[in-house]
Full PDB file with SEQRES, HELIX, SHEET, SSBOND, CRYST1, ORIGX, SCALE, CONECT and MASTER records, all heavy atoms in Angstrom:
SEQRES   1 A   39  HIS LEU CYS LEU ARG ASN ASP ILE ASP HIS LEU PHE ALA          
SEQRES   2 A   39  ALA GLY SER LYS ALA HIS THR ALA TYR PRO LEU ARG VAL          
SEQRES   3 A   39  VAL PHE ARG GLU ILE ARG HIS GLU GLY GLY PRO GLN VAL          
HELIX    1 AA1 ARG A    5  LEU A   11  1                                   7    
SHEET    1 AA1 2 LYS A  17  ALA A  21  0                                        
SHEET    2 AA1 2 LEU A  24  PHE A  28 -1                                        
CRYST1    1.000    1.000    1.000  90.00  90.00  90.00 P 1           1          
ORIGX1      1.000000  0.000000  0.000000        0.00000                         
ORIGX2      0.000000  1.000000  0.000000        0.00000                         
ORIGX3      0.000000  0.000000  1.000000        0.00000                         
SCALE1      1.000000  0.000000  0.000000        0.00000                         
SCALE2      0.000000  1.000000  0.000000        0.00000                         
SCALE3      0.000000  0.000000  1.000000        0.00000                         
ATOM      1  N   HIS A   1      -5.381   7.147   6.865  1.00  0.00           N  
ATOM      2  CA  HIS A   1      -5.618   7.308   5.431  1.00  0.00           C  
ATOM      3  C   HIS A   1      -4.274   7.514   4.738  1.00  0.00           C  
ATOM      4  O   HIS A   1      -3.439   8.286   5.214  1.00  0.00           O  
ATOM      5  CB  HIS A   1      -6.521   8.505   5.154  1.00  0.00           C  
ATOM      6  CG  HIS A   1      -7.919   8.325   5.636  1.00  0.00           C  
ATOM      7  ND1 HIS A   1      -8.996   8.412   4.796  1.00  0.00           N  
ATOM      8  CD2 HIS A   1      -8.430   8.054   6.853  1.00  0.00           C  
ATOM      9  CE1 HIS A   1     -10.108   8.206   5.480  1.00  0.00           C  
ATOM     10  NE2 HIS A   1      -9.778   7.991   6.738  1.00  0.00           N  
ATOM     11  N   LEU A   2      -4.077   6.861   3.638  1.00  0.00           N  
ATOM     12  CA  LEU A   2      -2.860   7.006   2.853  1.00  0.00           C  
ATOM     13  C   LEU A   2      -3.049   8.198   1.926  1.00  0.00           C  
ATOM     14  O   LEU A   2      -3.827   8.132   0.972  1.00  0.00           O  
ATOM     15  CB  LEU A   2      -2.593   5.724   2.059  1.00  0.00           C  
ATOM     16  CG  LEU A   2      -1.291   5.640   1.297  1.00  0.00           C  
ATOM     17  CD1 LEU A   2      -0.112   5.702   2.258  1.00  0.00           C  
ATOM     18  CD2 LEU A   2      -1.238   4.361   0.508  1.00  0.00           C  
ATOM     19  N   CYS A   3      -2.351   9.298   2.209  1.00  0.00           N  
ATOM     20  CA  CYS A   3      -2.588  10.540   1.480  1.00  0.00           C  
ATOM     21  C   CYS A   3      -1.362  11.061   0.733  1.00  0.00           C  
ATOM     22  O   CYS A   3      -1.512  11.745  -0.276  1.00  0.00           O  
ATOM     23  CB  CYS A   3      -3.058  11.625   2.442  1.00  0.00           C  
ATOM     24  SG  CYS A   3      -4.605  11.242   3.269  1.00  0.00           S  
ATOM     25  N   LEU A   4      -0.178  10.791   1.226  1.00  0.00           N  
ATOM     26  CA  LEU A   4       1.023  11.373   0.638  1.00  0.00           C  
ATOM     27  C   LEU A   4       1.312  10.777  -0.739  1.00  0.00           C  
ATOM     28  O   LEU A   4       1.328   9.562  -0.912  1.00  0.00           O  
ATOM     29  CB  LEU A   4       2.225  11.165   1.555  1.00  0.00           C  
ATOM     30  CG  LEU A   4       2.151  11.849   2.910  1.00  0.00           C  
ATOM     31  CD1 LEU A   4       3.368  11.493   3.747  1.00  0.00           C  
ATOM     32  CD2 LEU A   4       2.043  13.355   2.752  1.00  0.00           C  
ATOM     33  N   ARG A   5       1.570  11.644  -1.702  1.00  0.00           N  
ATOM     34  CA  ARG A   5       1.825  11.209  -3.073  1.00  0.00           C  
ATOM     35  C   ARG A   5       3.019  10.270  -3.146  1.00  0.00           C  
ATOM     36  O   ARG A   5       3.003   9.283  -3.879  1.00  0.00           O  
ATOM     37  CB  ARG A   5       2.051  12.409  -3.979  1.00  0.00           C  
ATOM     38  CG  ARG A   5       2.340  12.011  -5.418  1.00  0.00           C  
ATOM     39  CD  ARG A   5       2.444  13.192  -6.325  1.00  0.00           C  
ATOM     40  NE  ARG A   5       1.196  13.896  -6.499  1.00  0.00           N  
ATOM     41  CZ  ARG A   5       0.266  13.550  -7.395  1.00  0.00           C  
ATOM     42  NH1 ARG A   5       0.450  12.509  -8.165  1.00  0.00           N  
ATOM     43  NH2 ARG A   5      -0.846  14.234  -7.510  1.00  0.00           N  
ATOM     44  N   ASN A   6       4.044  10.546  -2.370  1.00  0.00           N  
ATOM     45  CA  ASN A   6       5.239   9.703  -2.365  1.00  0.00           C  
ATOM     46  C   ASN A   6       4.908   8.285  -1.888  1.00  0.00           C  
ATOM     47  O   ASN A   6       5.372   7.303  -2.479  1.00  0.00           O  
ATOM     48  CB  ASN A   6       6.314  10.340  -1.480  1.00  0.00           C  
ATOM     49  CG  ASN A   6       7.669   9.744  -1.705  1.00  0.00           C  
ATOM     50  OD1 ASN A   6       7.957   9.233  -2.772  1.00  0.00           O  
ATOM     51  ND2 ASN A   6       8.514   9.824  -0.688  1.00  0.00           N  
ATOM     52  N   ASP A   7       4.111   8.174  -0.837  1.00  0.00           N  
ATOM     53  CA  ASP A   7       3.703   6.855  -0.334  1.00  0.00           C  
ATOM     54  C   ASP A   7       2.846   6.116  -1.356  1.00  0.00           C  
ATOM     55  O   ASP A   7       2.993   4.902  -1.554  1.00  0.00           O  
ATOM     56  CB  ASP A   7       2.925   6.996   0.981  1.00  0.00           C  
ATOM     57  CG  ASP A   7       3.806   7.406   2.143  1.00  0.00           C  
ATOM     58  OD1 ASP A   7       5.045   7.256   2.036  1.00  0.00           O  
ATOM     59  OD2 ASP A   7       3.257   7.871   3.157  1.00  0.00           O  
ATOM     60  N   ILE A   8       1.967   6.840  -2.028  1.00  0.00           N  
ATOM     61  CA  ILE A   8       1.098   6.225  -3.035  1.00  0.00           C  
ATOM     62  C   ILE A   8       1.925   5.745  -4.222  1.00  0.00           C  
ATOM     63  O   ILE A   8       1.717   4.644  -4.738  1.00  0.00           O  
ATOM     64  CB  ILE A   8      -0.008   7.204  -3.467  1.00  0.00           C  
ATOM     65  CG1 ILE A   8      -0.940   7.496  -2.287  1.00  0.00           C  
ATOM     66  CG2 ILE A   8      -0.802   6.655  -4.644  1.00  0.00           C  
ATOM     67  CD1 ILE A   8      -1.912   8.629  -2.517  1.00  0.00           C  
ATOM     68  N   ASP A   9       2.901   6.553  -4.641  1.00  0.00           N  
ATOM     69  CA  ASP A   9       3.774   6.154  -5.751  1.00  0.00           C  
ATOM     70  C   ASP A   9       4.562   4.891  -5.400  1.00  0.00           C  
ATOM     71  O   ASP A   9       4.702   3.994  -6.223  1.00  0.00           O  
ATOM     72  CB  ASP A   9       4.737   7.287  -6.112  1.00  0.00           C  
ATOM     73  CG  ASP A   9       4.037   8.454  -6.793  1.00  0.00           C  
ATOM     74  OD1 ASP A   9       2.904   8.255  -7.291  1.00  0.00           O  
ATOM     75  OD2 ASP A   9       4.623   9.560  -6.818  1.00  0.00           O  
ATOM     76  N   HIS A  10       5.076   4.822  -4.169  1.00  0.00           N  
ATOM     77  CA  HIS A  10       5.804   3.624  -3.729  1.00  0.00           C  
ATOM     78  C   HIS A  10       4.884   2.412  -3.682  1.00  0.00           C  
ATOM     79  O   HIS A  10       5.304   1.295  -3.994  1.00  0.00           O  
ATOM     80  CB  HIS A  10       6.448   3.840  -2.366  1.00  0.00           C  
ATOM     81  CG  HIS A  10       7.653   4.711  -2.401  1.00  0.00           C  
ATOM     82  ND1 HIS A  10       8.727   4.486  -3.237  1.00  0.00           N  
ATOM     83  CD2 HIS A  10       7.958   5.830  -1.707  1.00  0.00           C  
ATOM     84  CE1 HIS A  10       9.633   5.410  -3.058  1.00  0.00           C  
ATOM     85  NE2 HIS A  10       9.197   6.251  -2.130  1.00  0.00           N  
ATOM     86  N   LEU A  11       3.635   2.626  -3.284  1.00  0.00           N  
ATOM     87  CA  LEU A  11       2.684   1.518  -3.191  1.00  0.00           C  
ATOM     88  C   LEU A  11       2.435   0.884  -4.555  1.00  0.00           C  
ATOM     89  O   LEU A  11       2.360  -0.335  -4.671  1.00  0.00           O  
ATOM     90  CB  LEU A  11       1.363   2.009  -2.596  1.00  0.00           C  
ATOM     91  CG  LEU A  11       0.221   1.004  -2.522  1.00  0.00           C  
ATOM     92  CD1 LEU A  11       0.594  -0.172  -1.626  1.00  0.00           C  
ATOM     93  CD2 LEU A  11      -1.032   1.666  -2.005  1.00  0.00           C  
ATOM     94  N   PHE A  12       2.352   1.699  -5.603  1.00  0.00           N  
ATOM     95  CA  PHE A  12       2.049   1.165  -6.926  1.00  0.00           C  
ATOM     96  C   PHE A  12       3.306   0.875  -7.751  1.00  0.00           C  
ATOM     97  O   PHE A  12       3.205   0.511  -8.913  1.00  0.00           O  
ATOM     98  CB  PHE A  12       1.111   2.110  -7.683  1.00  0.00           C  
ATOM     99  CG  PHE A  12      -0.279   2.101  -7.114  1.00  0.00           C  
ATOM    100  CD1 PHE A  12      -0.726   3.127  -6.307  1.00  0.00           C  
ATOM    101  CD2 PHE A  12      -1.127   1.045  -7.362  1.00  0.00           C  
ATOM    102  CE1 PHE A  12      -2.001   3.112  -5.767  1.00  0.00           C  
ATOM    103  CE2 PHE A  12      -2.403   1.007  -6.841  1.00  0.00           C  
ATOM    104  CZ  PHE A  12      -2.844   2.054  -6.035  1.00  0.00           C  
ATOM    105  N   ALA A  13       4.464   1.019  -7.159  1.00  0.00           N  
ATOM    106  CA  ALA A  13       5.721   0.709  -7.852  1.00  0.00           C  
ATOM    107  C   ALA A  13       5.964  -0.796  -7.822  1.00  0.00           C  
ATOM    108  O   ALA A  13       5.239  -1.560  -7.183  1.00  0.00           O  
ATOM    109  CB  ALA A  13       6.870   1.459  -7.194  1.00  0.00           C  
ATOM    110  N   ALA A  14       7.024  -1.210  -8.514  1.00  0.00           N  
ATOM    111  CA  ALA A  14       7.388  -2.634  -8.526  1.00  0.00           C  
ATOM    112  C   ALA A  14       7.677  -3.104  -7.105  1.00  0.00           C  
ATOM    113  O   ALA A  14       8.175  -2.350  -6.269  1.00  0.00           O  
ATOM    114  CB  ALA A  14       8.614  -2.834  -9.406  1.00  0.00           C  
ATOM    115  N   GLY A  15       7.357  -4.343  -6.850  1.00  0.00           N  
ATOM    116  CA  GLY A  15       7.587  -4.916  -5.524  1.00  0.00           C  
ATOM    117  C   GLY A  15       6.339  -4.995  -4.671  1.00  0.00           C  
ATOM    118  O   GLY A  15       6.352  -5.593  -3.606  1.00  0.00           O  
ATOM    119  N   SER A  16       5.250  -4.393  -5.132  1.00  0.00           N  
ATOM    120  CA  SER A  16       3.988  -4.485  -4.405  1.00  0.00           C  
ATOM    121  C   SER A  16       3.287  -5.780  -4.780  1.00  0.00           C  
ATOM    122  O   SER A  16       3.534  -6.360  -5.826  1.00  0.00           O  
ATOM    123  CB  SER A  16       3.096  -3.297  -4.753  1.00  0.00           C  
ATOM    124  OG  SER A  16       3.679  -2.105  -4.317  1.00  0.00           O  
ATOM    125  N   LYS A  17       2.397  -6.219  -3.904  1.00  0.00           N  
ATOM    126  CA  LYS A  17       1.636  -7.440  -4.148  1.00  0.00           C  
ATOM    127  C   LYS A  17       0.169  -7.066  -4.267  1.00  0.00           C  
ATOM    128  O   LYS A  17      -0.256  -6.037  -3.768  1.00  0.00           O  
ATOM    129  CB  LYS A  17       1.854  -8.409  -2.994  1.00  0.00           C  
ATOM    130  CG  LYS A  17       3.318  -8.801  -2.833  1.00  0.00           C  
ATOM    131  CD  LYS A  17       3.524  -9.548  -1.541  1.00  0.00           C  
ATOM    132  CE  LYS A  17       4.986  -9.756  -1.293  1.00  0.00           C  
ATOM    133  NZ  LYS A  17       5.582  -8.719  -0.476  1.00  0.00           N  
ATOM    134  N   ALA A  18      -0.609  -7.936  -4.915  1.00  0.00           N  
ATOM    135  CA  ALA A  18      -2.027  -7.640  -5.122  1.00  0.00           C  
ATOM    136  C   ALA A  18      -2.855  -8.918  -5.038  1.00  0.00           C  
ATOM    137  O   ALA A  18      -2.369 -10.010  -5.343  1.00  0.00           O  
ATOM    138  CB  ALA A  18      -2.233  -6.971  -6.467  1.00  0.00           C  
ATOM    139  N   HIS A  19      -4.094  -8.748  -4.613  1.00  0.00           N  
ATOM    140  CA  HIS A  19      -5.078  -9.826  -4.596  1.00  0.00           C  
ATOM    141  C   HIS A  19      -6.393  -9.246  -5.112  1.00  0.00           C  
ATOM    142  O   HIS A  19      -6.664  -8.063  -4.937  1.00  0.00           O  
ATOM    143  CB  HIS A  19      -5.294 -10.377  -3.186  1.00  0.00           C  
ATOM    144  CG  HIS A  19      -4.123 -11.075  -2.604  1.00  0.00           C  
ATOM    145  ND1 HIS A  19      -3.622 -12.248  -3.112  1.00  0.00           N  
ATOM    146  CD2 HIS A  19      -3.334 -10.762  -1.549  1.00  0.00           C  
ATOM    147  CE1 HIS A  19      -2.594 -12.641  -2.384  1.00  0.00           C  
ATOM    148  NE2 HIS A  19      -2.395 -11.732  -1.431  1.00  0.00           N  
ATOM    149  N   THR A  20      -7.209 -10.109  -5.680  1.00  0.00           N  
ATOM    150  CA  THR A  20      -8.507  -9.687  -6.187  1.00  0.00           C  
ATOM    151  C   THR A  20      -9.596 -10.606  -5.655  1.00  0.00           C  
ATOM    152  O   THR A  20      -9.437 -11.819  -5.632  1.00  0.00           O  
ATOM    153  CB  THR A  20      -8.526  -9.724  -7.733  1.00  0.00           C  
ATOM    154  OG1 THR A  20      -7.483  -8.884  -8.218  1.00  0.00           O  
ATOM    155  CG2 THR A  20      -9.854  -9.254  -8.275  1.00  0.00           C  
ATOM    156  N   ALA A  21     -10.676 -10.000  -5.216  1.00  0.00           N  
ATOM    157  CA  ALA A  21     -11.904 -10.707  -4.851  1.00  0.00           C  
ATOM    158  C   ALA A  21     -13.035  -9.809  -5.357  1.00  0.00           C  
ATOM    159  O   ALA A  21     -13.365  -8.817  -4.713  1.00  0.00           O  
ATOM    160  CB  ALA A  21     -11.998 -10.932  -3.346  1.00  0.00           C  
ATOM    161  N   TYR A  22     -13.543 -10.137  -6.535  1.00  0.00           N  
ATOM    162  CA  TYR A  22     -14.512  -9.273  -7.190  1.00  0.00           C  
ATOM    163  C   TYR A  22     -15.639  -8.905  -6.245  1.00  0.00           C  
ATOM    164  O   TYR A  22     -16.164  -9.789  -5.571  1.00  0.00           O  
ATOM    165  CB  TYR A  22     -15.073  -9.977  -8.439  1.00  0.00           C  
ATOM    166  CG  TYR A  22     -15.864  -9.076  -9.333  1.00  0.00           C  
ATOM    167  CD1 TYR A  22     -15.220  -8.248 -10.230  1.00  0.00           C  
ATOM    168  CD2 TYR A  22     -17.243  -9.037  -9.245  1.00  0.00           C  
ATOM    169  CE1 TYR A  22     -15.945  -7.404 -11.049  1.00  0.00           C  
ATOM    170  CE2 TYR A  22     -17.969  -8.193 -10.059  1.00  0.00           C  
ATOM    171  CZ  TYR A  22     -17.316  -7.374 -10.952  1.00  0.00           C  
ATOM    172  OH  TYR A  22     -18.024  -6.538 -11.755  1.00  0.00           O  
ATOM    173  N   PRO A  23     -15.977  -7.672  -6.084  1.00  0.00           N  
ATOM    174  CA  PRO A  23     -15.719  -6.465  -6.848  1.00  0.00           C  
ATOM    175  C   PRO A  23     -14.549  -5.615  -6.345  1.00  0.00           C  
ATOM    176  O   PRO A  23     -14.492  -4.425  -6.630  1.00  0.00           O  
ATOM    177  CB  PRO A  23     -17.012  -5.691  -6.686  1.00  0.00           C  
ATOM    178  CG  PRO A  23     -17.417  -5.992  -5.278  1.00  0.00           C  
ATOM    179  CD  PRO A  23     -17.020  -7.434  -5.082  1.00  0.00           C  
ATOM    180  N   LEU A  24     -13.616  -6.192  -5.587  1.00  0.00           N  
ATOM    181  CA  LEU A  24     -12.502  -5.419  -5.025  1.00  0.00           C  
ATOM    182  C   LEU A  24     -11.154  -5.968  -5.461  1.00  0.00           C  
ATOM    183  O   LEU A  24     -11.015  -7.159  -5.717  1.00  0.00           O  
ATOM    184  CB  LEU A  24     -12.557  -5.439  -3.497  1.00  0.00           C  
ATOM    185  CG  LEU A  24     -13.828  -4.930  -2.837  1.00  0.00           C  
ATOM    186  CD1 LEU A  24     -13.749  -5.136  -1.339  1.00  0.00           C  
ATOM    187  CD2 LEU A  24     -14.056  -3.482  -3.172  1.00  0.00           C  
ATOM    188  N   ARG A  25     -10.182  -5.087  -5.488  1.00  0.00           N  
ATOM    189  CA  ARG A  25      -8.791  -5.464  -5.696  1.00  0.00           C  
ATOM    190  C   ARG A  25      -7.996  -4.705  -4.650  1.00  0.00           C  
ATOM    191  O   ARG A  25      -8.260  -3.537  -4.379  1.00  0.00           O  
ATOM    192  CB  ARG A  25      -8.336  -5.064  -7.094  1.00  0.00           C  
ATOM    193  CG  ARG A  25      -6.865  -5.349  -7.360  1.00  0.00           C  
ATOM    194  CD  ARG A  25      -6.525  -5.013  -8.813  1.00  0.00           C  
ATOM    195  NE  ARG A  25      -5.122  -5.138  -9.091  1.00  0.00           N  
ATOM    196  CZ  ARG A  25      -4.496  -6.287  -9.338  1.00  0.00           C  
ATOM    197  NH1 ARG A  25      -5.182  -7.414  -9.343  1.00  0.00           N  
ATOM    198  NH2 ARG A  25      -3.207  -6.316  -9.582  1.00  0.00           N  
ATOM    199  N   VAL A  26      -7.035  -5.386  -4.054  1.00  0.00           N  
ATOM    200  CA  VAL A  26      -6.184  -4.729  -3.073  1.00  0.00           C  
ATOM    201  C   VAL A  26      -4.734  -4.835  -3.533  1.00  0.00           C  
ATOM    202  O   VAL A  26      -4.295  -5.872  -4.008  1.00  0.00           O  
ATOM    203  CB  VAL A  26      -6.369  -5.324  -1.655  1.00  0.00           C  
ATOM    204  CG1 VAL A  26      -5.925  -6.767  -1.581  1.00  0.00           C  
ATOM    205  CG2 VAL A  26      -5.640  -4.500  -0.620  1.00  0.00           C  
ATOM    206  N   VAL A  27      -4.032  -3.727  -3.429  1.00  0.00           N  
ATOM    207  CA  VAL A  27      -2.592  -3.675  -3.680  1.00  0.00           C  
ATOM    208  C   VAL A  27      -1.974  -3.307  -2.344  1.00  0.00           C  
ATOM    209  O   VAL A  27      -2.432  -2.376  -1.672  1.00  0.00           O  
ATOM    210  CB  VAL A  27      -2.246  -2.610  -4.748  1.00  0.00           C  
ATOM    211  CG1 VAL A  27      -0.745  -2.502  -4.935  1.00  0.00           C  
ATOM    212  CG2 VAL A  27      -2.928  -2.936  -6.055  1.00  0.00           C  
ATOM    213  N   PHE A  28      -0.946  -4.050  -1.942  1.00  0.00           N  
ATOM    214  CA  PHE A  28      -0.350  -3.762  -0.647  1.00  0.00           C  
ATOM    215  C   PHE A  28       1.163  -3.875  -0.703  1.00  0.00           C  
ATOM    216  O   PHE A  28       1.729  -4.528  -1.560  1.00  0.00           O  
ATOM    217  CB  PHE A  28      -0.916  -4.675   0.446  1.00  0.00           C  
ATOM    218  CG  PHE A  28      -0.630  -6.131   0.266  1.00  0.00           C  
ATOM    219  CD1 PHE A  28       0.408  -6.733   0.961  1.00  0.00           C  
ATOM    220  CD2 PHE A  28      -1.401  -6.914  -0.579  1.00  0.00           C  
ATOM    221  CE1 PHE A  28       0.664  -8.080   0.804  1.00  0.00           C  
ATOM    222  CE2 PHE A  28      -1.152  -8.251  -0.736  1.00  0.00           C  
ATOM    223  CZ  PHE A  28      -0.106  -8.846  -0.048  1.00  0.00           C  
ATOM    224  N   ARG A  29       1.794  -3.180   0.222  1.00  0.00           N  
ATOM    225  CA  ARG A  29       3.249  -3.165   0.312  1.00  0.00           C  
ATOM    226  C   ARG A  29       3.627  -3.116   1.786  1.00  0.00           C  
ATOM    227  O   ARG A  29       3.096  -2.302   2.538  1.00  0.00           O  
ATOM    228  CB  ARG A  29       3.795  -1.943  -0.421  1.00  0.00           C  
ATOM    229  CG  ARG A  29       5.293  -1.881  -0.443  1.00  0.00           C  
ATOM    230  CD  ARG A  29       5.754  -0.614  -1.175  1.00  0.00           C  
ATOM    231  NE  ARG A  29       7.129  -0.747  -1.546  1.00  0.00           N  
ATOM    232  CZ  ARG A  29       7.564  -1.096  -2.741  1.00  0.00           C  
ATOM    233  NH1 ARG A  29       6.716  -1.337  -3.691  1.00  0.00           N  
ATOM    234  NH2 ARG A  29       8.852  -1.189  -2.981  1.00  0.00           N  
ATOM    235  N   GLU A  30       4.550  -3.984   2.164  1.00  0.00           N  
ATOM    236  CA  GLU A  30       5.037  -3.964   3.537  1.00  0.00           C  
ATOM    237  C   GLU A  30       6.035  -2.832   3.693  1.00  0.00           C  
ATOM    238  O   GLU A  30       6.843  -2.580   2.807  1.00  0.00           O  
ATOM    239  CB  GLU A  30       5.699  -5.293   3.887  1.00  0.00           C  
ATOM    240  CG  GLU A  30       4.708  -6.418   4.015  1.00  0.00           C  
ATOM    241  CD  GLU A  30       5.354  -7.685   4.517  1.00  0.00           C  
ATOM    242  OE1 GLU A  30       6.011  -7.633   5.575  1.00  0.00           O  
ATOM    243  OE2 GLU A  30       5.206  -8.698   3.835  1.00  0.00           O  
ATOM    244  N   ILE A  31       5.957  -2.152   4.819  1.00  0.00           N  
ATOM    245  CA  ILE A  31       6.869  -1.061   5.125  1.00  0.00           C  
ATOM    246  C   ILE A  31       7.409  -1.257   6.530  1.00  0.00           C  
ATOM    247  O   ILE A  31       6.901  -2.081   7.295  1.00  0.00           O  
ATOM    248  CB  ILE A  31       6.167   0.313   5.012  1.00  0.00           C  
ATOM    249  CG1 ILE A  31       4.985   0.380   5.979  1.00  0.00           C  
ATOM    250  CG2 ILE A  31       5.740   0.599   3.599  1.00  0.00           C  
ATOM    251  CD1 ILE A  31       4.482   1.761   6.231  1.00  0.00           C  
ATOM    252  N   ARG A  32       8.412  -0.509   6.847  1.00  0.00           N  
ATOM    253  CA  ARG A  32       8.953  -0.526   8.205  1.00  0.00           C  
ATOM    254  C   ARG A  32       8.165   0.485   9.038  1.00  0.00           C  
ATOM    255  O   ARG A  32       8.051   1.649   8.676  1.00  0.00           O  
ATOM    256  CB  ARG A  32      10.429  -0.166   8.179  1.00  0.00           C  
ATOM    257  CG  ARG A  32      11.081  -0.227   9.510  1.00  0.00           C  
ATOM    258  CD  ARG A  32      12.597  -0.212   9.345  1.00  0.00           C  
ATOM    259  NE  ARG A  32      13.266  -0.180  10.616  1.00  0.00           N  
ATOM    260  CZ  ARG A  32      13.414  -1.222  11.416  1.00  0.00           C  
ATOM    261  NH1 ARG A  32      12.909  -2.385  11.059  1.00  0.00           N  
ATOM    262  NH2 ARG A  32      14.040  -1.120  12.562  1.00  0.00           N  
ATOM    263  N   HIS A  33       7.605   0.018  10.135  1.00  0.00           N  
ATOM    264  CA  HIS A  33       6.788   0.872  11.002  1.00  0.00           C  
ATOM    265  C   HIS A  33       7.706   1.648  11.938  1.00  0.00           C  
ATOM    266  O   HIS A  33       8.462   1.066  12.702  1.00  0.00           O  
ATOM    267  CB  HIS A  33       5.799   0.009  11.803  1.00  0.00           C  
ATOM    268  CG  HIS A  33       4.963   0.809  12.742  1.00  0.00           C  
ATOM    269  ND1 HIS A  33       5.091   0.721  14.087  1.00  0.00           N  
ATOM    270  CD2 HIS A  33       4.003   1.731  12.509  1.00  0.00           C  
ATOM    271  CE1 HIS A  33       4.246   1.545  14.662  1.00  0.00           C  
ATOM    272  NE2 HIS A  33       3.573   2.161  13.720  1.00  0.00           N  
ATOM    273  N   GLU A  34       7.636   2.968  11.843  1.00  0.00           N  
ATOM    274  CA  GLU A  34       8.509   3.809  12.669  1.00  0.00           C  
ATOM    275  C   GLU A  34       7.728   4.787  13.535  1.00  0.00           C  
ATOM    276  O   GLU A  34       8.310   5.666  14.144  1.00  0.00           O  
ATOM    277  CB  GLU A  34       9.478   4.575  11.760  1.00  0.00           C  
ATOM    278  CG  GLU A  34      10.391   3.648  10.986  1.00  0.00           C  
ATOM    279  CD  GLU A  34      11.137   4.363   9.891  1.00  0.00           C  
ATOM    280  OE1 GLU A  34      10.805   5.536   9.603  1.00  0.00           O  
ATOM    281  OE2 GLU A  34      12.045   3.745   9.328  1.00  0.00           O  
ATOM    282  N   GLY A  35       6.444   4.670  13.590  1.00  0.00           N  
ATOM    283  CA  GLY A  35       5.617   5.582  14.366  1.00  0.00           C  
ATOM    284  C   GLY A  35       4.315   5.840  13.644  1.00  0.00           C  
ATOM    285  O   GLY A  35       4.228   5.667  12.432  1.00  0.00           O  
ATOM    286  N   GLY A  36       3.312   6.252  14.365  1.00  0.00           N  
ATOM    287  CA  GLY A  36       2.005   6.470  13.759  1.00  0.00           C  
ATOM    288  C   GLY A  36       1.280   5.150  13.567  1.00  0.00           C  
ATOM    289  O   GLY A  36       1.653   4.121  14.131  1.00  0.00           O  
ATOM    290  N   PRO A  37       0.245   5.141  12.733  1.00  0.00           N  
ATOM    291  CA  PRO A  37      -0.507   3.902  12.518  1.00  0.00           C  
ATOM    292  C   PRO A  37       0.312   2.868  11.744  1.00  0.00           C  
ATOM    293  O   PRO A  37       1.110   3.216  10.882  1.00  0.00           O  
ATOM    294  CB  PRO A  37      -1.722   4.349  11.721  1.00  0.00           C  
ATOM    295  CG  PRO A  37      -1.446   5.721  11.260  1.00  0.00           C  
ATOM    296  CD  PRO A  37      -0.328   6.279  12.061  1.00  0.00           C  
ATOM    297  N   GLN A  38       0.105   1.603  12.071  1.00  0.00           N  
ATOM    298  CA  GLN A  38       0.810   0.517  11.401  1.00  0.00           C  
ATOM    299  C   GLN A  38       0.284   0.283   9.996  1.00  0.00           C  
ATOM    300  O   GLN A  38       1.015  -0.160   9.129  1.00  0.00           O  
ATOM    301  CB  GLN A  38       0.674  -0.791  12.186  1.00  0.00           C  
ATOM    302  CG  GLN A  38       1.662  -0.929  13.306  1.00  0.00           C  
ATOM    303  CD  GLN A  38       1.565  -2.311  13.918  1.00  0.00           C  
ATOM    304  OE1 GLN A  38       0.550  -2.641  14.517  1.00  0.00           O  
ATOM    305  NE2 GLN A  38       2.602  -3.094  13.757  1.00  0.00           N  
ATOM    306  N   VAL A  39      -0.990   0.542   9.773  1.00  0.00           N  
ATOM    307  CA  VAL A  39      -1.617   0.298   8.478  1.00  0.00           C  
ATOM    308  C   VAL A  39      -2.220   1.602   7.975  1.00  0.00           C  
ATOM    309  O   VAL A  39      -2.951   2.275   8.691  1.00  0.00           O  
ATOM    310  CB  VAL A  39      -2.721  -0.779   8.580  1.00  0.00           C  
ATOM    311  CG1 VAL A  39      -3.372  -1.002   7.234  1.00  0.00           C  
ATOM    312  CG2 VAL A  39      -2.159  -2.068   9.133  1.00  0.00           C  
TER     313      VAL A  39                                                      
MASTER        0    0    0    1    2    0    0    6  312    1    0    3          
END                                                                             
């Protein structure tokens, strides 16, 4: 689960990508995986 405010702020900052398929919209950002879950 994405919980940290800093991670959420980075996700919605410039440089993120988005797709829509009604009734859903997804915003995503690639990050460097350094441990823990990849997604």
